[in-house]
C-alpha atoms as a PDB file:
ATOM      1  CA  MET A   1     -36.012 -13.309  22.332  1.00  0.00           C
ATOM      2  CA  PHE A   2     -34.651 -10.714  24.696  1.00  0.00           C
ATOM      3  CA  ASP A   3     -37.064  -8.149  25.953  1.00  0.00           C
ATOM      4  CA  VAL A   4     -35.096  -5.143  27.108  1.00  0.00           C
ATOM      5  CA  GLY A   5     -37.299  -2.384  28.431  1.00  0.00           C
ATOM      6  CA  PHE A   6     -36.573   1.195  29.399  1.00  0.00           C
ATOM      7  CA  PHE A   7     -35.742   0.343  33.010  1.00  0.00           C
ATOM      8  CA  GLU A   8     -33.141  -2.252  31.969  1.00  0.00           C
ATOM      9  CA  LEU A   9     -31.497   0.233  29.577  1.00  0.00           C
ATOM     10  CA  LEU A  10     -31.383   2.847  32.331  1.00  0.00           C
ATOM     11  CA  VAL A  11     -29.673   0.412  34.732  1.00  0.00           C
ATOM     12  CA  ILE A  12     -27.109  -0.579  32.050  1.00  0.00           C
ATOM     13  CA  GLY A  13     -26.426   3.122  31.302  1.00  0.00           C
ATOM     14  CA  ILE A  14     -25.856   3.984  34.968  1.00  0.00           C
ATOM     15  CA  ILE A  15     -23.513   1.009  35.454  1.00  0.00           C
ATOM     16  CA  ALA A  16     -21.595   1.915  32.270  1.00  0.00           C
ATOM     17  CA  LEU A  17     -21.271   5.543  33.445  1.00  0.00           C
ATOM     18  CA  LEU A  18     -19.920   4.422  36.819  1.00  0.00           C
ATOM     19  CA  VAL A  19     -17.486   1.881  35.331  1.00  0.00           C
ATOM     20  CA  LEU A  20     -16.204   3.806  32.296  1.00  0.00           C
ATOM     21  CA  GLY A  21     -16.591   7.362  33.479  1.00  0.00           C
ATOM     22  CA  PRO A  22     -17.905  10.370  31.586  1.00  0.00           C
ATOM     23  CA  GLU A  23     -14.805  10.675  29.343  1.00  0.00           C
ATOM     24  CA  ARG A  24     -14.822   7.166  27.796  1.00  0.00           C
ATOM     25  CA  LEU A  25     -18.582   6.537  27.804  1.00  0.00           C
ATOM     26  CA  PRO A  26     -19.400   8.233  24.415  1.00  0.00           C
ATOM     27  CA  GLY A  27     -16.608   6.295  22.637  1.00  0.00           C
ATOM     28  CA  ALA A  28     -17.782   3.007  24.201  1.00  0.00           C
ATOM     29  CA  ILE A  29     -21.384   3.644  23.133  1.00  0.00           C
ATOM     30  CA  ARG A  30     -20.220   4.448  19.580  1.00  0.00           C
ATOM     31  CA  MET A  31     -18.095   1.280  19.481  1.00  0.00           C
ATOM     32  CA  ALA A  32     -20.990  -0.847  20.822  1.00  0.00           C
ATOM     33  CA  GLY A  33     -23.335   0.601  18.172  1.00  0.00           C
ATOM     34  CA  LEU A  34     -20.891  -0.154  15.346  1.00  0.00           C
ATOM     35  CA  THR A  35     -20.320  -3.690  16.641  1.00  0.00           C
ATOM     36  CA  ILE A  36     -24.042  -4.360  16.937  1.00  0.00           C
ATOM     37  CA  GLY A  37     -24.557  -2.994  13.378  1.00  0.00           C
ATOM     38  CA  ARG A  38     -21.839  -5.291  11.996  1.00  0.00           C
ATOM     39  CA  ILE A  39     -23.375  -8.295  13.748  1.00  0.00           C
ATOM     40  CA  LYS A  40     -26.834  -7.459  12.338  1.00  0.00           C
ATOM     41  CA  ARG A  41     -25.436  -7.057   8.805  1.00  0.00           C
ATOM     42  CA  GLY A  42     -23.577 -10.372   9.133  1.00  0.00           C
ATOM     43  CA  PHE A  43     -26.749 -12.148  10.225  1.00  0.00           C
ATOM     44  CA  SER A  44     -28.747 -10.589   7.375  1.00  0.00           C
ATOM     45  CA  ASP A  45     -26.067 -11.681   4.856  1.00  0.00           C
ATOM     46  CA  VAL A  46     -26.130 -15.234   6.173  1.00  0.00           C
ATOM     47  CA  LYS A  47     -29.922 -15.197   6.112  1.00  0.00           C
ATOM     48  CA  SER A  48     -30.056 -13.990   2.484  1.00  0.00           C
ATOM     49  CA  GLN A  49     -27.495 -16.632   1.415  1.00  0.00           C
ATOM     50  CA  ILE A  50     -29.538 -19.366   3.067  1.00  0.00           C
ATOM     51  CA  GLU A  51     -32.716 -18.096   1.398  1.00  0.00           C
ATOM     52  CA  ARG A  52     -30.963 -18.076  -1.998  1.00  0.00           C
ATOM     53  CA  GLU A  53     -29.744 -21.644  -1.441  1.00  0.00           C
ATOM     54  CA  ILE A  54     -33.202 -22.776  -0.415  1.00  0.00           C
ATOM     55  CA  GLY A  55     -34.655 -21.061  -3.482  1.00  0.00           C
ATOM     56  CA  ALA A  56     -32.055 -22.723  -5.705  1.00  0.00           C
ATOM     57  CA  ASP A  57     -32.872 -26.111  -4.167  1.00  0.00           C
ATOM     58  CA  GLU A  58     -36.573 -25.555  -4.815  1.00  0.00           C
ATOM     59  CA  ILE A  59     -35.871 -24.606  -8.427  1.00  0.00           C
ATOM     60  CA  ARG A  60     -33.700 -27.702  -8.884  1.00  0.00           C
ATOM     61  CA  GLN A  61     -36.446 -29.857  -7.379  1.00  0.00           C
ATOM     62  CA  GLN A  62     -39.076 -28.342  -9.695  1.00  0.00           C
ATOM     63  CA  LEU A  63     -36.883 -28.918 -12.744  1.00  0.00           C
ATOM     64  CA  HIS A  64     -36.312 -32.523 -11.675  1.00  0.00           C
ATOM     65  CA  ASN A  65     -40.055 -33.039 -11.175  1.00  0.00           C
ATOM     66  CA  GLU A  66     -40.800 -31.585 -14.614  1.00  0.00           C
ATOM     67  CA  ARG A  67     -38.243 -33.910 -16.233  1.00  0.00           C
ATOM     68  CA  VAL A  68     -39.781 -36.907 -14.480  1.00  0.00           C
ATOM     69  CA  MET A  69     -43.298 -35.890 -15.551  1.00  0.00           C
ATOM     70  CA  ASN A  70     -42.177 -35.433 -19.170  1.00  0.00           C
ATOM     71  CA  THR A  71     -40.557 -38.871 -19.113  1.00  0.00           C
ATOM     72  CA  LEU A  72     -43.744 -40.449 -17.709  1.00  0.00           C
ATOM     73  CA  GLU A  73     -45.882 -38.721 -20.334  1.00  0.00           C
ATOM     74  CA  ASP A  74     -43.601 -39.963 -23.117  1.00  0.00           C
ATOM     75  CA  GLN A  75     -43.775 -43.499 -21.739  1.00  0.00           C
ATOM     76  CA  ALA A  76     -47.556 -43.279 -21.491  1.00  0.00           C
ATOM     77  CA  LYS A  77     -47.806 -42.224 -25.136  1.00  0.00           C
ATOM     78  CA  GLU A  78     -45.646 -45.156 -26.235  1.00  0.00           C
ATOM     79  CA  ALA A  79     -47.382 -47.726 -24.026  1.00  0.00           C
ATOM     80  CA  VAL A  80     -50.045 -50.093 -25.334  1.00  0.00           C
ATOM     81  CA  PRO A  81     -53.374 -49.766 -23.533  1.00  0.00           C
ATOM     82  CA  PRO A  82     -53.906 -52.597 -21.033  1.00  0.00           C
ATOM     83  CA  VAL A  83     -56.129 -55.509 -21.988  1.00  0.00           C
ATOM     84  CA  SER A  84     -59.091 -56.005 -19.712  1.00  0.00           C
ATOM     85  CA  ASN A  85     -60.047 -59.412 -18.317  1.00  0.00           C
ATOM     86  CA  VAL A  86     -63.723 -58.493 -18.360  1.00  0.00           C
ATOM     87  CA  LYS A  87     -65.732 -59.870 -21.279  1.00  0.00           C
ATOM     88  CA  THR A  88     -68.058 -57.451 -22.951  1.00  0.00           C
ATOM     89  CA  ASP A  89     -70.983 -58.310 -25.195  1.00  0.00           C
ATOM     90  CA  ARG A  90     -71.132 -55.506 -27.702  1.00  0.00           C
ATOM     91  CA  HIS A  91     -73.908 -57.055 -29.821  1.00  0.00           C
ATOM     92  CA  THR A  92     -76.706 -56.889 -27.277  1.00  0.00           C
ATOM     93  CA  ALA A  93     -78.722 -53.742 -27.494  1.00  0.00           C
ATOM     94  CA  VAL A  94     -81.826 -53.030 -25.500  1.00  0.00           C
ATOM     95  CA  THR A  95     -84.690 -51.672 -27.568  1.00  0.00           C
ATOM     96  CA  ASP A  96     -88.029 -50.289 -26.529  1.00  0.00           C
ATOM     97  CA  THR A  97     -89.782 -53.568 -27.316  1.00  0.00           C
ATOM     98  CA  GLU A  98     -87.341 -55.583 -25.237  1.00  0.00           C
ATOM     99  CA  GLN A  99     -87.908 -53.333 -22.270  1.00  0.00           C
ATOM    100  CA  THR A 100     -91.596 -54.274 -21.969  1.00  0.00           C
ATOM    101  CA  ASP A 101     -92.550 -56.997 -19.524  1.00  0.00           C
ATOM    102  CA  PRO A 102     -93.515 -60.200 -21.406  1.00  0.00           C
ATOM    103  CA  VAL A 103     -95.509 -61.566 -18.454  1.00  0.00           C
ATOM    104  CA  ALA A 104     -97.764 -58.536 -18.235  1.00  0.00           C
ATOM    105  CA  ASP A 105     -98.817 -58.738 -21.900  1.00  0.00           C
ATOM    106  CA  PRO A 106     -99.166 -62.450 -22.921  1.00  0.00           C
ATOM    107  CA  PRO A 107    -100.279 -63.241 -26.462  1.00  0.00           C
ATOM    108  CA  SER A 108    -103.986 -63.905 -26.719  1.00  0.00           C
ATOM    109  CA  GLN A 109    -105.397 -67.272 -27.778  1.00  0.00           C
ATOM    110  CA  ASP A 110    -107.467 -65.721 -30.529  1.00  0.00           C
ATOM    111  CA  THR A 111    -104.422 -64.684 -32.462  1.00  0.00           C
ATOM    112  CA  GLU A 112    -102.935 -68.175 -32.143  1.00  0.00           C
ATOM    113  CA  HIS A 113    -106.189 -69.759 -33.330  1.00  0.00           C
ATOM    114  CA  SER A 114    -106.552 -67.403 -36.261  1.00  0.00           C
ATOM    115  CA  ALA A 115    -102.943 -68.020 -37.284  1.00  0.00           C
ATOM    116  CA  ALA A 116    -103.651 -71.766 -37.249  1.00  0.00           C
ATOM    117  CA  ASN A 117    -106.763 -71.228 -39.392  1.00  0.00           C
ATOM    118  CA  GLU A 118    -104.809 -69.317 -41.959  1.00  0.00           C
ATOM    119  CA  GLN A 119    -102.346 -72.162 -42.319  1.00  0.00           C
ATOM    120  CA  ASN A 120    -105.005 -74.881 -42.560  1.00  0.00           C
ATOM    121  CA  PRO A 121    -108.205 -73.431 -44.043  1.00  0.00           C
ATOM    122  CA  ARG A 122    -111.376 -75.457 -43.659  1.00  0.00           C
ATOM    123  CA  ASN A 123    -113.019 -76.816 -46.646  1.00  0.00           C
ATOM    124  CA  ASP A 124    -116.780 -76.868 -45.960  1.00  0.00           C
ATOM    125  CA  GLY A 125    -117.800 -77.475 -49.303  1.00  0.00           C
END
């Protein structure tokens, strides 16, 4: 935030020496150091309290989320599985013979003719 370099500190020291004098300058520096230390400790205390509160809020949020998830899991276990609107035909099974192309391998006429002969044998006499 503030960038105080060596030159700025030197200017502040010279002005403080001129204003306060050599007798009161060491006491003023000591008092300024103690005040700055107290301010830093106060800020660090406030910062740690805020971090603890944020941590407590996160823990509360995690516990709430776990309770919600447990409730949802319990409801899912009790729920009936949804019924699908899609009809399924579980009896149709594709076999190797059904996968062949019927147009590519038509039955021959000889087998039809011989089957007819077996049913009606000729009587030549």
